[in-house]
PDB file of N, CA and C in Angstrom:
ATOM      1  N   UNK A   1     -17.156 -58.605 -58.187  1.00  0.00           N
ATOM      2  CA  UNK A   1     -16.916 -57.488 -58.652  1.00  0.00           C
ATOM      3  C   UNK A   1     -16.246 -56.574 -57.685  1.00  0.00           C
ATOM      4  N   UNK A   2     -14.847 -56.551 -57.849  1.00  0.00           N
ATOM      5  CA  UNK A   2     -14.214 -55.747 -56.910  1.00  0.00           C
ATOM      6  C   UNK A   2     -14.180 -53.967 -57.109  1.00  0.00           C
ATOM      7  N   UNK A   3     -14.571 -53.523 -56.584  1.00  0.00           N
ATOM      8  CA  UNK A   3     -14.904 -52.317 -56.509  1.00  0.00           C
ATOM      9  C   UNK A   3     -13.617 -51.183 -55.486  1.00  0.00           C
ATOM     10  N   UNK A   4     -12.723 -50.432 -56.586  1.00  0.00           N
ATOM     11  CA  UNK A   4     -11.668 -49.876 -56.006  1.00  0.00           C
ATOM     12  C   UNK A   4     -11.937 -48.344 -55.771  1.00  0.00           C
ATOM     13  N   UNK A   5     -11.802 -47.934 -54.453  1.00  0.00           N
ATOM     14  CA  UNK A   5     -12.330 -46.503 -53.923  1.00  0.00           C
ATOM     15  C   UNK A   5     -10.925 -45.895 -53.629  1.00  0.00           C
ATOM     16  N   UNK A   6     -11.072 -44.528 -54.013  1.00  0.00           N
ATOM     17  CA  UNK A   6     -10.086 -43.859 -53.557  1.00  0.00           C
ATOM     18  C   UNK A   6     -10.656 -42.716 -52.986  1.00  0.00           C
ATOM     19  N   UNK A   7      -9.533 -42.144 -52.625  1.00  0.00           N
ATOM     20  CA  UNK A   7      -9.946 -41.358 -50.814  1.00  0.00           C
ATOM     21  C   UNK A   7      -9.176 -39.972 -51.941  1.00  0.00           C
ATOM     22  N   UNK A   8      -9.754 -38.435 -51.928  1.00  0.00           N
ATOM     23  CA  UNK A   8      -8.635 -37.554 -51.975  1.00  0.00           C
ATOM     24  C   UNK A   8      -8.387 -36.728 -50.565  1.00  0.00           C
ATOM     25  N   UNK A   9      -6.810 -36.313 -50.776  1.00  0.00           N
ATOM     26  CA  UNK A   9      -6.021 -36.072 -49.573  1.00  0.00           C
ATOM     27  C   UNK A   9      -5.647 -34.862 -49.791  1.00  0.00           C
ATOM     28  N   UNK A  10      -5.448 -33.623 -49.415  1.00  0.00           N
ATOM     29  CA  UNK A  10      -4.947 -32.391 -49.689  1.00  0.00           C
ATOM     30  C   UNK A  10      -3.282 -32.419 -48.541  1.00  0.00           C
ATOM     31  N   UNK A  11      -3.082 -31.311 -49.154  1.00  0.00           N
ATOM     32  CA  UNK A  11      -1.562 -31.308 -48.416  1.00  0.00           C
ATOM     33  C   UNK A  11      -0.759 -30.086 -49.045  1.00  0.00           C
ATOM     34  N   UNK A  12      -0.200 -29.227 -47.933  1.00  0.00           N
ATOM     35  CA  UNK A  12       0.887 -28.017 -48.027  1.00  0.00           C
ATOM     36  C   UNK A  12       2.047 -28.795 -48.112  1.00  0.00           C
ATOM     37  N   UNK A  13       2.651 -28.006 -48.979  1.00  0.00           N
ATOM     38  CA  UNK A  13       4.176 -28.316 -49.154  1.00  0.00           C
ATOM     39  C   UNK A  13       4.902 -26.899 -49.201  1.00  0.00           C
ATOM     40  N   UNK A  14       6.245 -27.039 -48.811  1.00  0.00           N
ATOM     41  CA  UNK A  14       7.303 -26.095 -48.543  1.00  0.00           C
ATOM     42  C   UNK A  14       7.641 -26.211 -50.471  1.00  0.00           C
ATOM     43  N   UNK A  15       8.520 -25.271 -50.851  1.00  0.00           N
ATOM     44  CA  UNK A  15       8.908 -25.261 -52.409  1.00  0.00           C
ATOM     45  C   UNK A  15       9.628 -26.042 -52.541  1.00  0.00           C
ATOM     46  N   UNK A  16      10.651 -26.374 -51.597  1.00  0.00           N
ATOM     47  CA  UNK A  16      11.627 -27.503 -51.867  1.00  0.00           C
ATOM     48  C   UNK A  16      11.434 -28.730 -52.138  1.00  0.00           C
ATOM     49  N   UNK A  17       9.922 -29.095 -51.320  1.00  0.00           N
ATOM     50  CA  UNK A  17       9.628 -30.896 -51.423  1.00  0.00           C
ATOM     51  C   UNK A  17       8.245 -30.387 -52.796  1.00  0.00           C
ATOM     52  N   UNK A  18       7.958 -29.758 -53.088  1.00  0.00           N
ATOM     53  CA  UNK A  18       7.142 -29.701 -54.073  1.00  0.00           C
ATOM     54  C   UNK A  18       8.091 -29.450 -55.450  1.00  0.00           C
ATOM     55  N   UNK A  19       9.447 -28.841 -55.395  1.00  0.00           N
ATOM     56  CA  UNK A  19      10.416 -29.545 -56.293  1.00  0.00           C
ATOM     57  C   UNK A  19      10.731 -30.894 -56.509  1.00  0.00           C
ATOM     58  N   UNK A  20      10.352 -31.480 -55.139  1.00  0.00           N
ATOM     59  CA  UNK A  20      10.559 -32.930 -55.656  1.00  0.00           C
ATOM     60  C   UNK A  20      10.062 -33.577 -56.151  1.00  0.00           C
ATOM     61  N   UNK A  21       8.883 -33.092 -55.636  1.00  0.00           N
ATOM     62  CA  UNK A  21       7.594 -33.590 -56.119  1.00  0.00           C
ATOM     63  C   UNK A  21       7.040 -33.704 -58.114  1.00  0.00           C
ATOM     64  N   UNK A  22       7.846 -32.476 -58.154  1.00  0.00           N
ATOM     65  CA  UNK A  22       7.874 -31.807 -59.616  1.00  0.00           C
ATOM     66  C   UNK A  22       9.309 -33.009 -60.431  1.00  0.00           C
ATOM     67  N   UNK A  23      10.119 -32.932 -59.544  1.00  0.00           N
ATOM     68  CA  UNK A  23      11.211 -33.847 -60.345  1.00  0.00           C
ATOM     69  C   UNK A  23      10.828 -34.884 -60.511  1.00  0.00           C
ATOM     70  N   UNK A  24      10.329 -35.930 -59.434  1.00  0.00           N
ATOM     71  CA  UNK A  24      10.120 -37.342 -59.858  1.00  0.00           C
ATOM     72  C   UNK A  24       8.821 -37.281 -60.971  1.00  0.00           C
ATOM     73  N   UNK A  25       8.149 -36.312 -61.013  1.00  0.00           N
ATOM     74  CA  UNK A  25       6.844 -36.205 -62.406  1.00  0.00           C
ATOM     75  C   UNK A  25       7.213 -36.152 -63.374  1.00  0.00           C
ATOM     76  N   UNK A  26       8.574 -35.151 -63.537  1.00  0.00           N
ATOM     77  CA  UNK A  26       9.061 -35.326 -64.810  1.00  0.00           C
ATOM     78  C   UNK A  26       9.874 -36.348 -65.337  1.00  0.00           C
ATOM     79  N   UNK A  27      10.536 -37.049 -64.173  1.00  0.00           N
ATOM     80  CA  UNK A  27      11.512 -38.229 -64.350  1.00  0.00           C
ATOM     81  C   UNK A  27      10.402 -39.467 -64.820  1.00  0.00           C
ATOM     82  N   UNK A  28       9.272 -39.548 -64.212  1.00  0.00           N
ATOM     83  CA  UNK A  28       8.564 -40.448 -64.670  1.00  0.00           C
ATOM     84  C   UNK A  28       7.097 -40.323 -65.595  1.00  0.00           C
ATOM     85  N   UNK A  29       7.685 -39.368 -65.984  1.00  0.00           N
ATOM     86  CA  UNK A  29       6.393 -38.485 -67.206  1.00  0.00           C
ATOM     87  C   UNK A  29       4.613 -38.705 -66.735  1.00  0.00           C
ATOM     88  N   UNK A  30       5.000 -37.985 -65.474  1.00  0.00           N
ATOM     89  CA  UNK A  30       3.253 -38.348 -64.773  1.00  0.00           C
ATOM     90  C   UNK A  30       3.339 -36.861 -64.302  1.00  0.00           C
ATOM     91  N   UNK A  31       1.942 -36.864 -63.392  1.00  0.00           N
ATOM     92  CA  UNK A  31       1.548 -35.619 -63.252  1.00  0.00           C
ATOM     93  C   UNK A  31       1.862 -35.491 -61.624  1.00  0.00           C
ATOM     94  N   UNK A  32       1.543 -34.752 -60.502  1.00  0.00           N
ATOM     95  CA  UNK A  32       1.918 -34.638 -59.157  1.00  0.00           C
ATOM     96  C   UNK A  32       1.142 -35.829 -58.805  1.00  0.00           C
ATOM     97  N   UNK A  33       0.011 -35.687 -58.342  1.00  0.00           N
ATOM     98  CA  UNK A  33      -0.671 -37.026 -57.874  1.00  0.00           C
ATOM     99  C   UNK A  33      -0.137 -38.428 -58.226  1.00  0.00           C
ATOM    100  N   UNK A  34       0.370 -38.486 -59.227  1.00  0.00           N
ATOM    101  CA  UNK A  34       0.961 -39.839 -59.567  1.00  0.00           C
ATOM    102  C   UNK A  34       2.233 -39.767 -59.269  1.00  0.00           C
ATOM    103  N   UNK A  35       2.765 -38.894 -59.260  1.00  0.00           N
ATOM    104  CA  UNK A  35       4.508 -38.996 -58.609  1.00  0.00           C
ATOM    105  C   UNK A  35       4.299 -38.673 -56.608  1.00  0.00           C
ATOM    106  N   UNK A  36       3.367 -38.240 -56.759  1.00  0.00           N
ATOM    107  CA  UNK A  36       2.932 -38.467 -54.816  1.00  0.00           C
ATOM    108  C   UNK A  36       2.978 -39.592 -54.445  1.00  0.00           C
ATOM    109  N   UNK A  37       1.838 -40.535 -55.774  1.00  0.00           N
ATOM    110  CA  UNK A  37       1.752 -41.538 -54.871  1.00  0.00           C
ATOM    111  C   UNK A  37       2.616 -42.770 -55.520  1.00  0.00           C
ATOM    112  N   UNK A  38       3.482 -42.396 -56.138  1.00  0.00           N
ATOM    113  CA  UNK A  38       4.735 -43.714 -56.461  1.00  0.00           C
ATOM    114  C   UNK A  38       5.859 -43.124 -54.970  1.00  0.00           C
ATOM    115  N   UNK A  39       5.888 -41.952 -54.583  1.00  0.00           N
ATOM    116  CA  UNK A  39       6.762 -41.085 -53.871  1.00  0.00           C
ATOM    117  C   UNK A  39       6.379 -42.223 -52.530  1.00  0.00           C
ATOM    118  N   UNK A  40       4.875 -42.145 -52.443  1.00  0.00           N
ATOM    119  CA  UNK A  40       4.256 -43.081 -51.051  1.00  0.00           C
ATOM    120  C   UNK A  40       4.569 -44.835 -51.205  1.00  0.00           C
ATOM    121  N   UNK A  41       4.254 -44.743 -52.398  1.00  0.00           N
ATOM    122  CA  UNK A  41       4.352 -46.567 -52.687  1.00  0.00           C
ATOM    123  C   UNK A  41       5.916 -46.917 -52.277  1.00  0.00           C
ATOM    124  N   UNK A  42       7.086 -46.029 -52.304  1.00  0.00           N
ATOM    125  CA  UNK A  42       8.065 -46.474 -52.215  1.00  0.00           C
ATOM    126  C   UNK A  42       8.759 -46.314 -50.808  1.00  0.00           C
ATOM    127  N   UNK A  43       8.736 -45.066 -50.398  1.00  0.00           N
ATOM    128  CA  UNK A  43       9.155 -44.554 -49.329  1.00  0.00           C
ATOM    129  C   UNK A  43       8.215 -44.923 -47.706  1.00  0.00           C
ATOM    130  N   UNK A  44       7.279 -44.912 -48.165  1.00  0.00           N
ATOM    131  CA  UNK A  44       6.553 -45.308 -46.612  1.00  0.00           C
ATOM    132  C   UNK A  44       6.488 -46.791 -46.377  1.00  0.00           C
ATOM    133  N   UNK A  45       6.662 -48.032 -46.861  1.00  0.00           N
ATOM    134  CA  UNK A  45       6.831 -49.145 -46.679  1.00  0.00           C
ATOM    135  C   UNK A  45       8.202 -48.926 -46.239  1.00  0.00           C
ATOM    136  N   UNK A  46       9.132 -48.446 -46.612  1.00  0.00           N
ATOM    137  CA  UNK A  46      10.636 -48.225 -46.029  1.00  0.00           C
ATOM    138  C   UNK A  46      10.566 -47.745 -44.632  1.00  0.00           C
ATOM    139  N   UNK A  47       9.593 -46.593 -44.094  1.00  0.00           N
ATOM    140  CA  UNK A  47       9.547 -46.098 -43.129  1.00  0.00           C
ATOM    141  C   UNK A  47       8.944 -47.169 -41.949  1.00  0.00           C
ATOM    142  N   UNK A  48       8.106 -47.754 -42.187  1.00  0.00           N
ATOM    143  CA  UNK A  48       7.013 -48.414 -41.320  1.00  0.00           C
ATOM    144  C   UNK A  48       8.319 -49.792 -41.191  1.00  0.00           C
ATOM    145  N   UNK A  49       8.834 -49.853 -41.946  1.00  0.00           N
ATOM    146  CA  UNK A  49       9.667 -51.413 -42.178  1.00  0.00           C
ATOM    147  C   UNK A  49      11.196 -50.760 -41.080  1.00  0.00           C
ATOM    148  N   UNK A  50      10.831 -50.061 -40.692  1.00  0.00           N
ATOM    149  CA  UNK A  50      12.685 -48.979 -40.088  1.00  0.00           C
ATOM    150  C   UNK A  50      13.514 -49.516 -41.056  1.00  0.00           C
ATOM    151  N   UNK A  51      13.342 -49.721 -42.636  1.00  0.00           N
ATOM    152  CA  UNK A  51      14.087 -49.419 -43.114  1.00  0.00           C
ATOM    153  C   UNK A  51      14.984 -48.128 -43.878  1.00  0.00           C
ATOM    154  N   UNK A  52      15.345 -47.738 -43.616  1.00  0.00           N
ATOM    155  CA  UNK A  52      16.030 -46.126 -43.802  1.00  0.00           C
ATOM    156  C   UNK A  52      17.459 -46.183 -44.490  1.00  0.00           C
ATOM    157  N   UNK A  53      17.413 -45.935 -45.679  1.00  0.00           N
ATOM    158  CA  UNK A  53      18.729 -46.123 -46.062  1.00  0.00           C
ATOM    159  C   UNK A  53      19.469 -44.732 -46.017  1.00  0.00           C
ATOM    160  N   UNK A  54      20.537 -44.555 -45.815  1.00  0.00           N
ATOM    161  CA  UNK A  54      21.443 -43.793 -45.977  1.00  0.00           C
ATOM    162  C   UNK A  54      22.173 -43.806 -47.340  1.00  0.00           C
ATOM    163  N   UNK A  55      21.481 -42.887 -48.192  1.00  0.00           N
ATOM    164  CA  UNK A  55      21.853 -42.830 -49.560  1.00  0.00           C
ATOM    165  C   UNK A  55      23.308 -42.250 -50.051  1.00  0.00           C
ATOM    166  N   UNK A  56      23.728 -41.675 -49.084  1.00  0.00           N
ATOM    167  CA  UNK A  56      25.178 -41.069 -49.175  1.00  0.00           C
ATOM    168  C   UNK A  56      26.193 -41.829 -48.537  1.00  0.00           C
ATOM    169  N   UNK A  57      26.047 -42.576 -47.880  1.00  0.00           N
ATOM    170  CA  UNK A  57      26.989 -43.768 -47.238  1.00  0.00           C
ATOM    171  C   UNK A  57      26.801 -44.920 -48.214  1.00  0.00           C
ATOM    172  N   UNK A  58      25.875 -45.391 -48.607  1.00  0.00           N
ATOM    173  CA  UNK A  58      25.884 -45.896 -49.506  1.00  0.00           C
ATOM    174  C   UNK A  58      26.756 -46.041 -50.706  1.00  0.00           C
ATOM    175  N   UNK A  59      26.516 -44.695 -51.302  1.00  0.00           N
ATOM    176  CA  UNK A  59      27.443 -44.435 -52.729  1.00  0.00           C
ATOM    177  C   UNK A  59      28.927 -44.409 -52.175  1.00  0.00           C
ATOM    178  N   UNK A  60      29.400 -43.527 -51.183  1.00  0.00           N
ATOM    179  CA  UNK A  60      30.640 -43.689 -50.526  1.00  0.00           C
ATOM    180  C   UNK A  60      31.226 -45.041 -50.476  1.00  0.00           C
ATOM    181  N   UNK A  61      30.221 -45.545 -49.707  1.00  0.00           N
ATOM    182  CA  UNK A  61      30.615 -47.283 -49.737  1.00  0.00           C
ATOM    183  C   UNK A  61      30.950 -47.958 -51.377  1.00  0.00           C
ATOM    184  N   UNK A  62      30.056 -47.702 -52.023  1.00  0.00           N
ATOM    185  CA  UNK A  62      30.233 -47.745 -53.808  1.00  0.00           C
ATOM    186  C   UNK A  62      31.669 -47.987 -54.276  1.00  0.00           C
ATOM    187  N   UNK A  63      31.649 -46.399 -53.936  1.00  0.00           N
ATOM    188  CA  UNK A  63      33.023 -45.534 -54.857  1.00  0.00           C
ATOM    189  C   UNK A  63      34.006 -45.941 -54.359  1.00  0.00           C
ATOM    190  N   UNK A  64      34.458 -46.218 -52.744  1.00  0.00           N
ATOM    191  CA  UNK A  64      35.360 -46.943 -52.326  1.00  0.00           C
ATOM    192  C   UNK A  64      35.965 -48.529 -53.042  1.00  0.00           C
ATOM    193  N   UNK A  65      34.690 -49.159 -53.139  1.00  0.00           N
ATOM    194  CA  UNK A  65      34.662 -50.811 -53.521  1.00  0.00           C
ATOM    195  C   UNK A  65      35.296 -50.482 -54.929  1.00  0.00           C
ATOM    196  N   UNK A  66      34.625 -49.327 -55.519  1.00  0.00           N
ATOM    197  CA  UNK A  66      35.096 -49.040 -57.468  1.00  0.00           C
ATOM    198  C   UNK A  66      36.548 -48.695 -57.271  1.00  0.00           C
ATOM    199  N   UNK A  67      37.057 -47.848 -56.694  1.00  0.00           N
ATOM    200  CA  UNK A  67      38.525 -47.419 -56.577  1.00  0.00           C
ATOM    201  C   UNK A  67      39.330 -48.642 -56.181  1.00  0.00           C
ATOM    202  N   UNK A  68      39.201 -49.603 -55.304  1.00  0.00           N
ATOM    203  CA  UNK A  68      39.684 -50.698 -54.637  1.00  0.00           C
ATOM    204  C   UNK A  68      39.812 -51.662 -55.777  1.00  0.00           C
ATOM    205  N   UNK A  69      38.910 -51.721 -56.268  1.00  0.00           N
ATOM    206  CA  UNK A  69      38.784 -53.017 -57.625  1.00  0.00           C
ATOM    207  C   UNK A  69      39.520 -52.495 -58.843  1.00  0.00           C
ATOM    208  N   UNK A  70      39.507 -51.047 -59.111  1.00  0.00           N
ATOM    209  CA  UNK A  70      40.363 -50.435 -60.107  1.00  0.00           C
ATOM    210  C   UNK A  70      41.852 -50.424 -59.719  1.00  0.00           C
ATOM    211  N   UNK A  71      42.127 -50.357 -58.554  1.00  0.00           N
ATOM    212  CA  UNK A  71      43.456 -50.143 -58.494  1.00  0.00           C
ATOM    213  C   UNK A  71      43.998 -51.779 -58.143  1.00  0.00           C
ATOM    214  N   UNK A  72      43.568 -52.848 -58.264  1.00  0.00           N
ATOM    215  CA  UNK A  72      43.591 -54.428 -58.098  1.00  0.00           C
ATOM    216  C   UNK A  72      44.004 -54.736 -59.277  1.00  0.00           C
ATOM    217  N   UNK A  73      42.982 -54.118 -60.359  1.00  0.00           N
ATOM    218  CA  UNK A  73      43.273 -54.620 -61.577  1.00  0.00           C
ATOM    219  C   UNK A  73      44.618 -53.649 -62.365  1.00  0.00           C
ATOM    220  N   UNK A  74      45.383 -54.528 -62.375  1.00  0.00           N
ATOM    221  CA  UNK A  74      46.736 -54.281 -63.025  1.00  0.00           C
ATOM    222  C   UNK A  74      46.549 -54.047 -64.199  1.00  0.00           C
ATOM    223  N   UNK A  75      45.543 -54.636 -65.231  1.00  0.00           N
ATOM    224  CA  UNK A  75      45.386 -55.245 -66.776  1.00  0.00           C
ATOM    225  C   UNK A  75      44.219 -54.468 -67.065  1.00  0.00           C
ATOM    226  N   UNK A  76      44.644 -53.278 -68.206  1.00  0.00           N
ATOM    227  CA  UNK A  76      43.910 -52.348 -68.439  1.00  0.00           C
ATOM    228  C   UNK A  76      42.229 -53.344 -69.133  1.00  0.00           C
ATOM    229  N   UNK A  77      42.724 -54.349 -69.402  1.00  0.00           N
ATOM    230  CA  UNK A  77      41.597 -55.572 -69.861  1.00  0.00           C
ATOM    231  C   UNK A  77      40.250 -56.072 -68.878  1.00  0.00           C
ATOM    232  N   UNK A  78      41.464 -56.119 -67.940  1.00  0.00           N
ATOM    233  CA  UNK A  78      40.312 -56.246 -66.515  1.00  0.00           C
ATOM    234  C   UNK A  78      39.830 -55.292 -66.304  1.00  0.00           C
ATOM    235  N   UNK A  79      40.477 -53.773 -65.909  1.00  0.00           N
ATOM    236  CA  UNK A  79      39.685 -52.587 -66.107  1.00  0.00           C
ATOM    237  C   UNK A  79      38.000 -52.672 -66.915  1.00  0.00           C
ATOM    238  N   UNK A  80      38.386 -52.965 -68.150  1.00  0.00           N
ATOM    239  CA  UNK A  80      37.614 -52.919 -69.157  1.00  0.00           C
ATOM    240  C   UNK A  80      36.409 -54.015 -68.602  1.00  0.00           C
ATOM    241  N   UNK A  81      36.699 -55.213 -68.564  1.00  0.00           N
ATOM    242  CA  UNK A  81      35.730 -56.263 -68.366  1.00  0.00           C
ATOM    243  C   UNK A  81      35.068 -56.189 -67.035  1.00  0.00           C
ATOM    244  N   UNK A  82      35.335 -55.284 -66.263  1.00  0.00           N
ATOM    245  CA  UNK A  82      35.124 -55.048 -64.376  1.00  0.00           C
ATOM    246  C   UNK A  82      33.683 -53.873 -64.862  1.00  0.00           C
ATOM    247  N   UNK A  83      34.420 -52.507 -65.994  1.00  0.00           N
ATOM    248  CA  UNK A  83      33.419 -51.755 -66.299  1.00  0.00           C
ATOM    249  C   UNK A  83      32.189 -52.459 -66.749  1.00  0.00           C
ATOM    250  N   UNK A  84      32.415 -52.913 -68.017  1.00  0.00           N
ATOM    251  CA  UNK A  84      31.132 -53.875 -68.867  1.00  0.00           C
ATOM    252  C   UNK A  84      30.387 -55.126 -67.521  1.00  0.00           C
ATOM    253  N   UNK A  85      30.925 -55.604 -67.139  1.00  0.00           N
ATOM    254  CA  UNK A  85      30.298 -56.110 -65.973  1.00  0.00           C
ATOM    255  C   UNK A  85      29.372 -55.706 -65.089  1.00  0.00           C
ATOM    256  N   UNK A  86      29.621 -54.354 -64.606  1.00  0.00           N
ATOM    257  CA  UNK A  86      29.135 -53.420 -63.758  1.00  0.00           C
ATOM    258  C   UNK A  86      28.027 -52.873 -64.292  1.00  0.00           C
ATOM    259  N   UNK A  87      28.070 -52.513 -65.592  1.00  0.00           N
ATOM    260  CA  UNK A  87      27.161 -52.002 -66.688  1.00  0.00           C
ATOM    261  C   UNK A  87      26.075 -52.973 -66.306  1.00  0.00           C
ATOM    262  N   UNK A  88      26.553 -54.201 -66.887  1.00  0.00           N
ATOM    263  CA  UNK A  88      25.543 -55.182 -67.334  1.00  0.00           C
ATOM    264  C   UNK A  88      24.604 -55.435 -66.479  1.00  0.00           C
ATOM    265  N   UNK A  89      25.083 -55.527 -64.654  1.00  0.00           N
ATOM    266  CA  UNK A  89      24.626 -55.972 -63.949  1.00  0.00           C
ATOM    267  C   UNK A  89      23.292 -54.335 -63.373  1.00  0.00           C
ATOM    268  N   UNK A  90      24.022 -53.446 -63.563  1.00  0.00           N
ATOM    269  CA  UNK A  90      23.119 -52.194 -63.340  1.00  0.00           C
ATOM    270  C   UNK A  90      21.941 -52.472 -64.121  1.00  0.00           C
ATOM    271  N   UNK A  91      22.084 -52.625 -65.446  1.00  0.00           N
ATOM    272  CA  UNK A  91      20.891 -52.586 -66.728  1.00  0.00           C
ATOM    273  C   UNK A  91      19.992 -53.980 -66.339  1.00  0.00           C
ATOM    274  N   UNK A  92      20.446 -54.717 -65.884  1.00  0.00           N
ATOM    275  CA  UNK A  92      19.770 -56.078 -65.801  1.00  0.00           C
ATOM    276  C   UNK A  92      19.085 -55.681 -64.082  1.00  0.00           C
ATOM    277  N   UNK A  93      19.776 -55.102 -63.182  1.00  0.00           N
ATOM    278  CA  UNK A  93      19.055 -55.647 -62.159  1.00  0.00           C
ATOM    279  C   UNK A  93      18.372 -53.833 -61.303  1.00  0.00           C
ATOM    280  N   UNK A  94      19.073 -53.509 -62.132  1.00  0.00           N
ATOM    281  CA  UNK A  94      18.561 -52.018 -61.366  1.00  0.00           C
ATOM    282  C   UNK A  94      18.028 -50.626 -62.238  1.00  0.00           C
ATOM    283  N   UNK A  95      17.659 -51.068 -63.697  1.00  0.00           N
ATOM    284  CA  UNK A  95      17.077 -49.743 -64.717  1.00  0.00           C
ATOM    285  C   UNK A  95      15.221 -50.575 -64.926  1.00  0.00           C
TER     286      UNK A  95
END
């Protein structure tokens, strides 16, 4: 029989960090403790592995690609197809 031990940890947060925790809790419909656990589960492995993501840079790059694709799609049907395919991929892989 496996026993699951937990440890209580206390911390102080600046108001803006607490607001981020509350935002995560609101999005995931959970309390602050669970929100902090989710933040640690997602963020800590990335930090440990040295895989920090510059989200702003990533989004700017994606927007450039979108604009380029839309400019190259001369036919409105191609634009509609691109948008539908992208939305489908987001739903299948990121939602």
